[in-house]
Amino acid sequence: MDLEITEIHNLPQDELKHRIESKLKHYQDSYSMYISNYSSEWEGNTGYYTFFVLGTKMNAVIDIKPDKVVIESKLPLIAIMHKRKIEELLRNNIKEIIRGS
């Protein structure tokens, strides 16, 4: 994977999963002009996401472990030059989700 973000948490896994799903639903609704063909599937505490951002396909895996959450994604070529900004945005968002804000 091109992108991997790990953040420590102390929440029950089900609670963090619920918070992540809620936030992603909010983003899907708020940014529908940019995000399309959104799909997700959970197997236990691992979520598999596929969506298009401005016509570019993206895949991500969110793995909620008892003490940390790991987000992995293979960035498309067009997004590689924005990798640092994408990492910062994702890291800040997952921290907000863990804090509950």
N, C-alpha and C. Protein backbone atom coordinates (compact mmCIF):
# COMPACT_ATOMS: atom_id res chain seq x y z
N MET A 1 0.84 -1.19 0.00
CA MET A 1 0.00 0.00 0.00
C MET A 1 0.88 1.25 0.00
N ASP A 2 0.46 2.25 -0.73
CA ASP A 2 1.20 3.50 -0.80
C ASP A 2 1.03 4.36 0.44
N LEU A 3 -0.11 4.22 1.08
CA LEU A 3 -0.45 5.10 2.19
C LEU A 3 -0.85 4.24 3.37
N GLU A 4 -0.23 4.48 4.51
CA GLU A 4 -0.62 3.77 5.73
C GLU A 4 -0.57 4.73 6.90
N ILE A 5 -1.69 4.80 7.60
CA ILE A 5 -1.80 5.68 8.77
C ILE A 5 -2.23 4.83 9.94
N THR A 6 -1.54 4.97 11.06
CA THR A 6 -1.88 4.24 12.27
C THR A 6 -2.07 5.24 13.40
N GLU A 7 -3.19 5.11 14.10
CA GLU A 7 -3.47 5.96 15.25
C GLU A 7 -3.90 5.08 16.42
N ILE A 8 -3.40 5.41 17.60
CA ILE A 8 -3.73 4.69 18.83
C ILE A 8 -5.10 5.17 19.31
N HIS A 9 -5.88 4.25 19.89
CA HIS A 9 -7.16 4.62 20.49
C HIS A 9 -7.40 3.77 21.72
N ASN A 10 -8.35 4.18 22.53
CA ASN A 10 -8.74 3.40 23.71
C ASN A 10 -10.24 3.18 23.75
N LEU A 11 -10.88 3.19 22.59
CA LEU A 11 -12.32 3.00 22.49
C LEU A 11 -12.66 1.53 22.25
N PRO A 12 -13.87 1.12 22.62
CA PRO A 12 -14.32 -0.20 22.19
C PRO A 12 -14.35 -0.24 20.66
N GLN A 13 -13.98 -1.36 20.08
CA GLN A 13 -13.91 -1.44 18.62
C GLN A 13 -15.24 -1.13 17.95
N ASP A 14 -16.35 -1.61 18.53
CA ASP A 14 -17.66 -1.33 17.94
C ASP A 14 -17.98 0.16 17.94
N GLU A 15 -17.60 0.85 19.01
CA GLU A 15 -17.84 2.30 19.08
C GLU A 15 -17.05 3.03 18.01
N LEU A 16 -15.78 2.68 17.85
CA LEU A 16 -14.95 3.34 16.84
C LEU A 16 -15.47 3.03 15.44
N LYS A 17 -15.88 1.80 15.22
CA LYS A 17 -16.46 1.43 13.92
C LYS A 17 -17.70 2.28 13.62
N HIS A 18 -18.57 2.43 14.61
CA HIS A 18 -19.77 3.26 14.44
C HIS A 18 -19.40 4.71 14.13
N ARG A 19 -18.43 5.26 14.84
CA ARG A 19 -18.01 6.64 14.60
C ARG A 19 -17.43 6.81 13.19
N ILE A 20 -16.63 5.85 12.75
CA ILE A 20 -16.03 5.92 11.42
C ILE A 20 -17.11 5.84 10.36
N GLU A 21 -18.04 4.90 10.50
CA GLU A 21 -19.12 4.77 9.53
C GLU A 21 -19.96 6.04 9.46
N SER A 22 -20.27 6.63 10.61
CA SER A 22 -21.06 7.87 10.65
C SER A 22 -20.34 9.01 9.95
N LYS A 23 -19.06 9.16 10.23
CA LYS A 23 -18.28 10.25 9.61
C LYS A 23 -18.16 10.05 8.11
N LEU A 24 -17.94 8.82 7.67
CA LEU A 24 -17.82 8.57 6.23
C LEU A 24 -19.16 8.81 5.53
N LYS A 25 -20.27 8.47 6.18
CA LYS A 25 -21.59 8.77 5.61
C LYS A 25 -21.78 10.28 5.48
N HIS A 26 -21.35 11.01 6.49
CA HIS A 26 -21.42 12.48 6.45
C HIS A 26 -20.61 13.02 5.27
N TYR A 27 -19.39 12.52 5.08
CA TYR A 27 -18.57 12.97 3.95
C TYR A 27 -19.21 12.62 2.62
N GLN A 28 -19.76 11.42 2.54
CA GLN A 28 -20.41 10.99 1.31
C GLN A 28 -21.58 11.92 0.96
N ASP A 29 -22.36 12.29 1.96
CA ASP A 29 -23.49 13.20 1.72
C ASP A 29 -23.03 14.63 1.43
N SER A 30 -22.05 15.09 2.18
CA SER A 30 -21.60 16.49 2.05
C SER A 30 -20.80 16.75 0.78
N TYR A 31 -20.11 15.74 0.28
CA TYR A 31 -19.23 15.93 -0.88
C TYR A 31 -19.66 15.07 -2.07
N SER A 32 -20.97 14.86 -2.21
CA SER A 32 -21.49 14.00 -3.28
C SER A 32 -21.14 14.52 -4.67
N MET A 33 -20.84 15.80 -4.78
CA MET A 33 -20.44 16.33 -6.09
C MET A 33 -19.03 15.89 -6.49
N TYR A 34 -18.26 15.40 -5.52
CA TYR A 34 -16.90 14.94 -5.78
C TYR A 34 -16.76 13.42 -5.64
N ILE A 35 -17.58 12.82 -4.76
CA ILE A 35 -17.47 11.40 -4.44
C ILE A 35 -18.65 10.65 -5.08
N SER A 36 -18.33 9.58 -5.81
CA SER A 36 -19.39 8.79 -6.44
C SER A 36 -19.08 7.30 -6.32
N ASN A 37 -20.06 6.49 -6.66
CA ASN A 37 -19.92 5.03 -6.67
C ASN A 37 -19.30 4.50 -5.38
N TYR A 38 -19.77 5.03 -4.27
CA TYR A 38 -19.25 4.67 -2.94
C TYR A 38 -19.80 3.31 -2.53
N SER A 39 -18.92 2.42 -2.09
CA SER A 39 -19.38 1.15 -1.52
C SER A 39 -18.46 0.77 -0.38
N SER A 40 -19.04 0.07 0.59
CA SER A 40 -18.26 -0.39 1.73
C SER A 40 -18.75 -1.77 2.15
N GLU A 41 -17.84 -2.52 2.72
CA GLU A 41 -18.17 -3.84 3.23
C GLU A 41 -17.28 -4.09 4.44
N TRP A 42 -17.90 -4.54 5.51
CA TRP A 42 -17.17 -4.83 6.73
C TRP A 42 -17.12 -6.34 6.95
N GLU A 43 -15.96 -6.81 7.30
CA GLU A 43 -15.75 -8.19 7.75
C GLU A 43 -15.18 -8.08 9.14
N GLY A 44 -16.02 -8.25 10.13
CA GLY A 44 -15.59 -8.04 11.51
C GLY A 44 -15.24 -6.59 11.73
N ASN A 45 -14.01 -6.33 12.13
CA ASN A 45 -13.56 -4.96 12.39
C ASN A 45 -12.68 -4.41 11.28
N THR A 46 -12.80 -4.98 10.09
CA THR A 46 -12.05 -4.49 8.92
C THR A 46 -13.04 -4.04 7.85
N GLY A 47 -12.92 -2.78 7.45
CA GLY A 47 -13.79 -2.21 6.43
C GLY A 47 -13.05 -2.04 5.12
N TYR A 48 -13.72 -2.42 4.04
CA TYR A 48 -13.16 -2.29 2.69
C TYR A 48 -14.01 -1.25 1.94
N TYR A 49 -13.37 -0.20 1.47
CA TYR A 49 -14.07 0.91 0.83
C TYR A 49 -13.58 1.09 -0.60
N THR A 50 -14.52 1.36 -1.48
CA THR A 50 -14.23 1.71 -2.86
C THR A 50 -15.10 2.90 -3.22
N PHE A 51 -14.51 3.87 -3.91
CA PHE A 51 -15.26 5.06 -4.32
C PHE A 51 -14.46 5.78 -5.40
N PHE A 52 -15.10 6.71 -6.04
CA PHE A 52 -14.44 7.53 -7.05
C PHE A 52 -14.41 8.97 -6.55
N VAL A 53 -13.26 9.61 -6.67
CA VAL A 53 -13.11 11.03 -6.34
C VAL A 53 -12.76 11.73 -7.64
N LEU A 54 -13.67 12.59 -8.08
CA LEU A 54 -13.49 13.31 -9.34
C LEU A 54 -13.13 12.35 -10.48
N GLY A 55 -13.80 11.20 -10.51
CA GLY A 55 -13.60 10.24 -11.59
C GLY A 55 -12.44 9.29 -11.41
N THR A 56 -11.68 9.42 -10.33
CA THR A 56 -10.53 8.55 -10.08
C THR A 56 -10.89 7.53 -9.00
N LYS A 57 -10.71 6.25 -9.32
CA LYS A 57 -11.06 5.18 -8.39
C LYS A 57 -10.08 5.13 -7.22
N MET A 58 -10.65 4.98 -6.03
CA MET A 58 -9.87 4.87 -4.81
C MET A 58 -10.33 3.64 -4.04
N ASN A 59 -9.40 2.99 -3.38
CA ASN A 59 -9.70 1.87 -2.49
C ASN A 59 -9.03 2.14 -1.16
N ALA A 60 -9.68 1.74 -0.09
CA ALA A 60 -9.08 1.90 1.23
C ALA A 60 -9.52 0.74 2.12
N VAL A 61 -8.65 0.41 3.06
CA VAL A 61 -8.96 -0.60 4.07
C VAL A 61 -8.78 0.08 5.43
N ILE A 62 -9.78 -0.08 6.28
CA ILE A 62 -9.70 0.44 7.65
C ILE A 62 -9.76 -0.75 8.58
N ASP A 63 -8.70 -0.96 9.33
CA ASP A 63 -8.61 -2.11 10.24
C ASP A 63 -8.61 -1.59 11.68
N ILE A 64 -9.67 -1.89 12.41
CA ILE A 64 -9.80 -1.44 13.79
C ILE A 64 -9.32 -2.55 14.72
N LYS A 65 -8.19 -2.33 15.32
CA LYS A 65 -7.62 -3.28 16.27
C LYS A 65 -8.00 -2.81 17.68
N PRO A 66 -7.82 -3.65 18.70
CA PRO A 66 -8.22 -3.25 20.06
C PRO A 66 -7.57 -1.96 20.55
N ASP A 67 -6.35 -1.64 20.09
CA ASP A 67 -5.64 -0.47 20.60
C ASP A 67 -5.22 0.53 19.54
N LYS A 68 -5.51 0.24 18.27
CA LYS A 68 -5.12 1.16 17.21
C LYS A 68 -6.02 0.94 15.99
N VAL A 69 -6.04 1.94 15.14
CA VAL A 69 -6.76 1.84 13.87
C VAL A 69 -5.74 2.08 12.76
N VAL A 70 -5.80 1.25 11.73
CA VAL A 70 -4.86 1.35 10.62
C VAL A 70 -5.66 1.60 9.34
N ILE A 71 -5.28 2.63 8.62
CA ILE A 71 -5.91 2.96 7.34
C ILE A 71 -4.86 2.76 6.26
N GLU A 72 -5.21 1.97 5.25
CA GLU A 72 -4.29 1.72 4.14
C GLU A 72 -5.00 2.01 2.83
N SER A 73 -4.26 2.55 1.89
CA SER A 73 -4.81 2.82 0.57
C SER A 73 -3.69 2.82 -0.46
N LYS A 74 -3.99 2.30 -1.60
CA LYS A 74 -3.06 2.41 -2.73
C LYS A 74 -3.51 3.63 -3.52
N LEU A 75 -2.69 4.64 -3.52
CA LEU A 75 -3.06 5.88 -4.18
C LEU A 75 -2.88 5.75 -5.69
N PRO A 76 -3.84 6.28 -6.44
CA PRO A 76 -3.65 6.31 -7.89
C PRO A 76 -2.54 7.29 -8.25
N LEU A 77 -1.97 7.09 -9.39
CA LEU A 77 -0.85 7.91 -9.83
C LEU A 77 -1.15 9.40 -9.72
N ILE A 78 -2.35 9.79 -10.07
CA ILE A 78 -2.69 11.22 -10.05
C ILE A 78 -2.66 11.80 -8.63
N ALA A 79 -2.83 10.96 -7.61
CA ALA A 79 -2.86 11.44 -6.22
C ALA A 79 -1.50 11.38 -5.53
N ILE A 80 -0.53 10.71 -6.11
CA ILE A 80 0.78 10.54 -5.47
C ILE A 80 1.41 11.88 -5.13
N MET A 81 1.28 12.87 -5.99
CA MET A 81 1.93 14.15 -5.71
C MET A 81 1.26 14.90 -4.56
N HIS A 82 0.08 14.43 -4.13
CA HIS A 82 -0.61 15.05 -3.00
C HIS A 82 -0.60 14.15 -1.77
N LYS A 83 0.27 13.15 -1.77
CA LYS A 83 0.30 12.15 -0.71
C LYS A 83 0.44 12.77 0.68
N ARG A 84 1.34 13.68 0.85
CA ARG A 84 1.56 14.29 2.16
C ARG A 84 0.31 15.01 2.66
N LYS A 85 -0.37 15.72 1.79
CA LYS A 85 -1.59 16.44 2.17
C LYS A 85 -2.71 15.45 2.49
N ILE A 86 -2.82 14.38 1.70
CA ILE A 86 -3.83 13.35 1.95
C ILE A 86 -3.59 12.68 3.30
N GLU A 87 -2.33 12.34 3.59
CA GLU A 87 -1.98 11.74 4.88
C GLU A 87 -2.36 12.66 6.03
N GLU A 88 -2.03 13.93 5.91
CA GLU A 88 -2.33 14.89 6.96
C GLU A 88 -3.84 15.00 7.18
N LEU A 89 -4.59 15.07 6.09
CA LEU A 89 -6.05 15.18 6.17
C LEU A 89 -6.65 13.94 6.84
N LEU A 90 -6.22 12.76 6.42
CA LEU A 90 -6.74 11.53 7.00
C LEU A 90 -6.35 11.40 8.47
N ARG A 91 -5.12 11.72 8.79
CA ARG A 91 -4.66 11.62 10.18
C ARG A 91 -5.47 12.57 11.08
N ASN A 92 -5.67 13.79 10.64
CA ASN A 92 -6.45 14.75 11.43
C ASN A 92 -7.89 14.28 11.60
N ASN A 93 -8.47 13.71 10.54
CA ASN A 93 -9.85 13.24 10.62
C ASN A 93 -10.00 12.05 11.55
N ILE A 94 -9.08 11.10 11.49
CA ILE A 94 -9.20 9.94 12.36
C ILE A 94 -8.98 10.34 13.83
N LYS A 95 -8.10 11.32 14.06
CA LYS A 95 -7.92 11.82 15.43
C LYS A 95 -9.20 12.46 15.93
N GLU A 96 -9.89 13.24 15.10
CA GLU A 96 -11.17 13.86 15.47
C GLU A 96 -12.22 12.79 15.78
N ILE A 97 -12.25 11.75 14.96
CA ILE A 97 -13.22 10.67 15.17
C ILE A 97 -12.94 9.98 16.50
N ILE A 98 -11.68 9.71 16.81
CA ILE A 98 -11.33 9.07 18.08
C ILE A 98 -11.70 9.96 19.25
N ARG A 99 -11.45 11.27 19.13
CA ARG A 99 -11.80 12.21 20.21
C ARG A 99 -13.31 12.38 20.35
N GLY A 100 -14.03 12.09 19.28
CA GLY A 100 -15.49 12.25 19.32
C GLY A 100 -15.94 13.63 18.92
N SER A 101 -15.09 14.36 18.21
CA SER A 101 -15.49 15.72 17.78
C SER A 101 -15.81 15.75 16.30
